[in-house]
Amino acid sequence: MKTAMVIGVEDLKSLTERLEMIKEAGFDAVDIGFYHEEKYLLDDGWQDRVAAVKAELDRIGLLCLHTHMPCYELCVDCEIIDENEEKAIGNAIVASKMLGANVGVIHPRSAAGHLYDQDFAMKHNIEQFGRLRDELVKNDFRLAIENIPVFPDGPHAIYFSSDYH
């Protein structure tokens, strides 16, 4: 069994130091987190940066088993579409494959503007993730929808993945 740790991408020097510590601690793999790094995947140099991360993973001897995809903040309603966020998610599919990952974990969208109606959110999540289908198939890549808990400080904010009704 492989043991992995989630690590965010930042500057390569900092990432290299953290990857080396992870390997030294006995981990076999990492989950590269693009969650808060949308801008990392939006400019013309993103593929070169991802290739450099892959080279460091190979040099250090770590695998990238899966990634954490960029995603909308949990409180952003599922009807709101941001073109940069959508582009970052699409680019993360390609970036994940470049790193050797076949699965990307993504947060579901909420129905914050609709009193957190789970059925409404599920319908919109199916539509949103369905728009990624061609890119997912082309790259032989799968999305794993994260189960979002009901947070104690926001019991009204129930996500469709919080309850399996």
C-alpha atoms as a PDB file:
ATOM      1  CA  MET A   1       0.000   0.000   0.000  1.00  0.00           C
ATOM      2  CA  LYS A   2       1.262   3.467  -0.893  1.00  0.00           C
ATOM      3  CA  THR A   3       1.234   6.226   1.689  1.00  0.00           C
ATOM      4  CA  ALA A   4       0.640   9.742   0.444  1.00  0.00           C
ATOM      5  CA  MET A   5       0.461  13.288   1.735  1.00  0.00           C
ATOM      6  CA  VAL A   6      -1.338  16.299   0.248  1.00  0.00           C
ATOM      7  CA  ILE A   7       0.985  19.121  -0.770  1.00  0.00           C
ATOM      8  CA  GLY A   8       0.227  22.391  -2.514  1.00  0.00           C
ATOM      9  CA  VAL A   9       2.208  23.705  -5.457  1.00  0.00           C
ATOM     10  CA  GLU A  10       3.975  26.981  -4.973  1.00  0.00           C
ATOM     11  CA  ASP A  11       7.431  28.044  -6.011  1.00  0.00           C
ATOM     12  CA  LEU A  12       9.612  25.115  -7.093  1.00  0.00           C
ATOM     13  CA  LYS A  13      12.347  25.709  -4.470  1.00  0.00           C
ATOM     14  CA  SER A  14       9.872  25.543  -1.595  1.00  0.00           C
ATOM     15  CA  LEU A  15       8.100  22.578  -3.185  1.00  0.00           C
ATOM     16  CA  THR A  16      11.373  20.681  -3.668  1.00  0.00           C
ATOM     17  CA  GLU A  17      12.297  21.142  -0.005  1.00  0.00           C
ATOM     18  CA  ARG A  18       8.880  19.906   1.114  1.00  0.00           C
ATOM     19  CA  LEU A  19       8.957  16.941  -1.283  1.00  0.00           C
ATOM     20  CA  GLU A  20      12.346  15.903   0.052  1.00  0.00           C
ATOM     21  CA  MET A  21      11.023  16.080   3.638  1.00  0.00           C
ATOM     22  CA  ILE A  22       7.994  14.006   2.656  1.00  0.00           C
ATOM     23  CA  LYS A  23      10.217  11.329   1.097  1.00  0.00           C
ATOM     24  CA  GLU A  24      12.550  11.391   4.115  1.00  0.00           C
ATOM     25  CA  ALA A  25       9.533  10.905   6.396  1.00  0.00           C
ATOM     26  CA  GLY A  26       8.781   7.640   4.589  1.00  0.00           C
ATOM     27  CA  PHE A  27       5.964   8.587   2.228  1.00  0.00           C
ATOM     28  CA  ASP A  28       5.761   6.980  -1.220  1.00  0.00           C
ATOM     29  CA  ALA A  29       3.511   9.468  -2.934  1.00  0.00           C
ATOM     30  CA  VAL A  30       1.884  12.874  -2.860  1.00  0.00           C
ATOM     31  CA  ASP A  31      -1.453  14.361  -3.739  1.00  0.00           C
ATOM     32  CA  ILE A  32      -0.628  17.610  -5.498  1.00  0.00           C
ATOM     33  CA  GLY A  33      -3.127  20.255  -4.433  1.00  0.00           C
ATOM     34  CA  PHE A  34      -4.149  22.816  -7.026  1.00  0.00           C
ATOM     35  CA  TYR A  35      -7.069  23.832  -4.791  1.00  0.00           C
ATOM     36  CA  HIS A  36      -5.868  27.336  -3.934  1.00  0.00           C
ATOM     37  CA  GLU A  37      -3.552  27.608  -6.899  1.00  0.00           C
ATOM     38  CA  GLU A  38      -5.907  28.457  -9.751  1.00  0.00           C
ATOM     39  CA  LYS A  39      -3.569  31.172 -11.047  1.00  0.00           C
ATOM     40  CA  TYR A  40      -0.805  28.550 -11.224  1.00  0.00           C
ATOM     41  CA  LEU A  41      -2.701  26.962 -14.124  1.00  0.00           C
ATOM     42  CA  LEU A  42      -3.813  30.058 -16.034  1.00  0.00           C
ATOM     43  CA  ASP A  43      -0.786  31.713 -17.598  1.00  0.00           C
ATOM     44  CA  ASP A  44       1.232  30.604 -20.608  1.00  0.00           C
ATOM     45  CA  GLY A  45       3.949  28.976 -18.467  1.00  0.00           C
ATOM     46  CA  TRP A  46       1.818  26.552 -16.485  1.00  0.00           C
ATOM     47  CA  GLN A  47       2.790  23.427 -18.441  1.00  0.00           C
ATOM     48  CA  ASP A  48       6.506  24.166 -17.966  1.00  0.00           C
ATOM     49  CA  ARG A  49       5.958  24.564 -14.212  1.00  0.00           C
ATOM     50  CA  VAL A  50       4.052  21.272 -14.040  1.00  0.00           C
ATOM     51  CA  ALA A  51       6.813  19.534 -16.030  1.00  0.00           C
ATOM     52  CA  ALA A  52       9.371  20.874 -13.520  1.00  0.00           C
ATOM     53  CA  VAL A  53       7.277  19.498 -10.630  1.00  0.00           C
ATOM     54  CA  LYS A  54       7.134  16.097 -12.369  1.00  0.00           C
ATOM     55  CA  ALA A  55      10.916  16.155 -12.832  1.00  0.00           C
ATOM     56  CA  GLU A  56      11.350  16.835  -9.095  1.00  0.00           C
ATOM     57  CA  LEU A  57       8.936  14.037  -8.187  1.00  0.00           C
ATOM     58  CA  ASP A  58      10.913  11.641 -10.378  1.00  0.00           C
ATOM     59  CA  ARG A  59      14.279  12.829  -9.029  1.00  0.00           C
ATOM     60  CA  ILE A  60      13.144  12.447  -5.421  1.00  0.00           C
ATOM     61  CA  GLY A  61      11.346   9.160  -6.053  1.00  0.00           C
ATOM     62  CA  LEU A  62       7.762  10.114  -5.252  1.00  0.00           C
ATOM     63  CA  LEU A  63       4.602   9.274  -7.176  1.00  0.00           C
ATOM     64  CA  CYS A  64       1.619  11.552  -7.691  1.00  0.00           C
ATOM     65  CA  LEU A  65      -1.347   9.234  -7.203  1.00  0.00           C
ATOM     66  CA  HIS A  66      -4.066  11.869  -7.420  1.00  0.00           C
ATOM     67  CA  THR A  67      -4.562  15.589  -7.234  1.00  0.00           C
ATOM     68  CA  HIS A  68      -6.887  18.066  -5.592  1.00  0.00           C
ATOM     69  CA  MET A  69      -8.450  20.096  -8.357  1.00  0.00           C
ATOM     70  CA  PRO A  70      -9.080  23.826  -8.376  1.00  0.00           C
ATOM     71  CA  CYS A  71     -12.670  24.466  -7.425  1.00  0.00           C
ATOM     72  CA  TYR A  72     -15.087  27.181  -6.488  1.00  0.00           C
ATOM     73  CA  GLU A  73     -15.260  28.328  -2.891  1.00  0.00           C
ATOM     74  CA  LEU A  74     -17.939  26.370  -1.048  1.00  0.00           C
ATOM     75  CA  CYS A  75     -20.147  29.409  -0.480  1.00  0.00           C
ATOM     76  CA  VAL A  76     -20.294  30.322  -4.195  1.00  0.00           C
ATOM     77  CA  ASP A  77     -23.637  29.333  -5.688  1.00  0.00           C
ATOM     78  CA  CYS A  78     -23.608  26.646  -8.381  1.00  0.00           C
ATOM     79  CA  GLU A  79     -25.263  28.954 -10.914  1.00  0.00           C
ATOM     80  CA  ILE A  80     -22.267  31.302 -10.892  1.00  0.00           C
ATOM     81  CA  ILE A  81     -19.734  30.414 -13.577  1.00  0.00           C
ATOM     82  CA  ASP A  82     -16.259  31.945 -13.612  1.00  0.00           C
ATOM     83  CA  GLU A  83     -14.390  31.406 -16.879  1.00  0.00           C
ATOM     84  CA  ASN A  84     -10.972  31.493 -15.181  1.00  0.00           C
ATOM     85  CA  GLU A  85     -12.053  28.864 -12.656  1.00  0.00           C
ATOM     86  CA  GLU A  86     -13.420  26.689 -15.457  1.00  0.00           C
ATOM     87  CA  LYS A  87     -10.181  27.059 -17.431  1.00  0.00           C
ATOM     88  CA  ALA A  88      -8.100  26.202 -14.350  1.00  0.00           C
ATOM     89  CA  ILE A  89     -10.169  23.059 -13.754  1.00  0.00           C
ATOM     90  CA  GLY A  90      -9.712  21.978 -17.397  1.00  0.00           C
ATOM     91  CA  ASN A  91      -5.980  22.671 -17.270  1.00  0.00           C
ATOM     92  CA  ALA A  92      -5.726  20.743 -13.984  1.00  0.00           C
ATOM     93  CA  ILE A  93      -6.939  17.623 -15.771  1.00  0.00           C
ATOM     94  CA  VAL A  94      -4.003  17.884 -18.180  1.00  0.00           C
ATOM     95  CA  ALA A  95      -1.597  18.881 -15.370  1.00  0.00           C
ATOM     96  CA  SER A  96      -2.691  15.906 -13.266  1.00  0.00           C
ATOM     97  CA  LYS A  97      -2.002  13.501 -16.109  1.00  0.00           C
ATOM     98  CA  MET A  98       1.397  15.139 -16.663  1.00  0.00           C
ATOM     99  CA  LEU A  99       2.176  14.353 -13.007  1.00  0.00           C
ATOM    100  CA  GLY A 100       1.045  10.727 -13.395  1.00  0.00           C
ATOM    101  CA  ALA A 101      -2.301  11.007 -11.624  1.00  0.00           C
ATOM    102  CA  ASN A 102      -5.470   9.401 -12.991  1.00  0.00           C
ATOM    103  CA  VAL A 103      -7.889  10.850 -10.424  1.00  0.00           C
ATOM    104  CA  GLY A 104      -8.607  14.389  -9.269  1.00  0.00           C
ATOM    105  CA  VAL A 105     -10.565  15.188  -6.123  1.00  0.00           C
ATOM    106  CA  ILE A 106     -12.934  18.122  -6.561  1.00  0.00           C
ATOM    107  CA  HIS A 107     -15.329  19.904  -4.242  1.00  0.00           C
ATOM    108  CA  PRO A 108     -18.968  19.947  -5.294  1.00  0.00           C
ATOM    109  CA  ARG A 109     -20.767  23.221  -5.936  1.00  0.00           C
ATOM    110  CA  SER A 110     -23.282  24.494  -3.398  1.00  0.00           C
ATOM    111  CA  ALA A 111     -26.754  25.933  -3.822  1.00  0.00           C
ATOM    112  CA  ALA A 112     -25.923  28.797  -1.469  1.00  0.00           C
ATOM    113  CA  GLY A 113     -28.262  31.140  -3.334  1.00  0.00           C
ATOM    114  CA  HIS A 114     -31.098  28.615  -3.153  1.00  0.00           C
ATOM    115  CA  LEU A 115     -31.160  27.856   0.593  1.00  0.00           C
ATOM    116  CA  TYR A 116     -28.707  25.007   0.004  1.00  0.00           C
ATOM    117  CA  ASP A 117     -31.297  22.929  -1.830  1.00  0.00           C
ATOM    118  CA  GLN A 118     -29.479  19.619  -2.315  1.00  0.00           C
ATOM    119  CA  ASP A 119     -31.482  18.504  -5.350  1.00  0.00           C
ATOM    120  CA  PHE A 120     -30.905  21.850  -7.072  1.00  0.00           C
ATOM    121  CA  ALA A 121     -27.170  21.632  -6.324  1.00  0.00           C
ATOM    122  CA  MET A 122     -26.926  18.044  -7.537  1.00  0.00           C
ATOM    123  CA  LYS A 123     -28.603  18.927 -10.836  1.00  0.00           C
ATOM    124  CA  HIS A 124     -26.174  21.799 -11.415  1.00  0.00           C
ATOM    125  CA  ASN A 125     -23.152  19.735 -10.351  1.00  0.00           C
ATOM    126  CA  ILE A 126     -24.087  17.025 -12.856  1.00  0.00           C
ATOM    127  CA  GLU A 127     -24.319  19.702 -15.560  1.00  0.00           C
ATOM    128  CA  GLN A 128     -21.027  21.343 -14.600  1.00  0.00           C
ATOM    129  CA  PHE A 129     -19.020  18.163 -14.320  1.00  0.00           C
ATOM    130  CA  GLY A 130     -20.728  16.861 -17.468  1.00  0.00           C
ATOM    131  CA  ARG A 131     -19.181  19.758 -19.393  1.00  0.00           C
ATOM    132  CA  LEU A 132     -15.793  18.247 -18.514  1.00  0.00           C
ATOM    133  CA  ARG A 133     -16.690  14.847 -19.951  1.00  0.00           C
ATOM    134  CA  ASP A 134     -14.810  15.182 -23.256  1.00  0.00           C
ATOM    135  CA  GLU A 135     -11.639  16.386 -21.522  1.00  0.00           C
ATOM    136  CA  LEU A 136     -11.930  13.607 -18.918  1.00  0.00           C
ATOM    137  CA  VAL A 137     -12.381  10.896 -21.553  1.00  0.00           C
ATOM    138  CA  LYS A 138      -9.611  12.283 -23.773  1.00  0.00           C
ATOM    139  CA  ASN A 139      -7.191  12.187 -20.838  1.00  0.00           C
ATOM    140  CA  ASP A 140      -8.460   8.914 -19.299  1.00  0.00           C
ATOM    141  CA  PHE A 141      -9.016  10.847 -16.084  1.00  0.00           C
ATOM    142  CA  ARG A 142     -11.631  10.530 -13.350  1.00  0.00           C
ATOM    143  CA  LEU A 143     -13.068  13.011 -10.894  1.00  0.00           C
ATOM    144  CA  ALA A 144     -13.789  12.069  -7.301  1.00  0.00           C
ATOM    145  CA  ILE A 145     -16.435  14.313  -5.733  1.00  0.00           C
ATOM    146  CA  GLU A 146     -15.415  15.102  -2.168  1.00  0.00           C
ATOM    147  CA  ASN A 147     -17.930  14.494   0.605  1.00  0.00           C
ATOM    148  CA  ILE A 148     -18.378  17.893   2.245  1.00  0.00           C
ATOM    149  CA  PRO A 149     -19.475  17.662   5.875  1.00  0.00           C
ATOM    150  CA  VAL A 150     -22.117  19.751   7.548  1.00  0.00           C
ATOM    151  CA  PHE A 151     -19.928  22.223   9.392  1.00  0.00           C
ATOM    152  CA  PRO A 152     -20.857  22.969  13.037  1.00  0.00           C
ATOM    153  CA  ASP A 153     -20.683  26.721  12.454  1.00  0.00           C
ATOM    154  CA  GLY A 154     -23.016  26.518   9.441  1.00  0.00           C
ATOM    155  CA  PRO A 155     -25.573  23.746   9.990  1.00  0.00           C
ATOM    156  CA  HIS A 156     -27.823  25.287   7.317  1.00  0.00           C
ATOM    157  CA  ALA A 157     -25.114  24.841   4.658  1.00  0.00           C
ATOM    158  CA  ILE A 158     -25.805  21.295   3.557  1.00  0.00           C
ATOM    159  CA  TYR A 159     -24.182  20.186   0.310  1.00  0.00           C
ATOM    160  CA  PHE A 160     -25.594  17.480  -1.923  1.00  0.00           C
ATOM    161  CA  SER A 161     -22.572  15.373  -0.965  1.00  0.00           C
ATOM    162  CA  SER A 162     -23.240  15.872   2.775  1.00  0.00           C
ATOM    163  CA  ASP A 163     -26.230  13.560   2.839  1.00  0.00           C
ATOM    164  CA  TYR A 164     -26.845  10.469   0.783  1.00  0.00           C
ATOM    165  CA  HIS A 165     -30.634  10.706   0.423  1.00  0.00           C
END
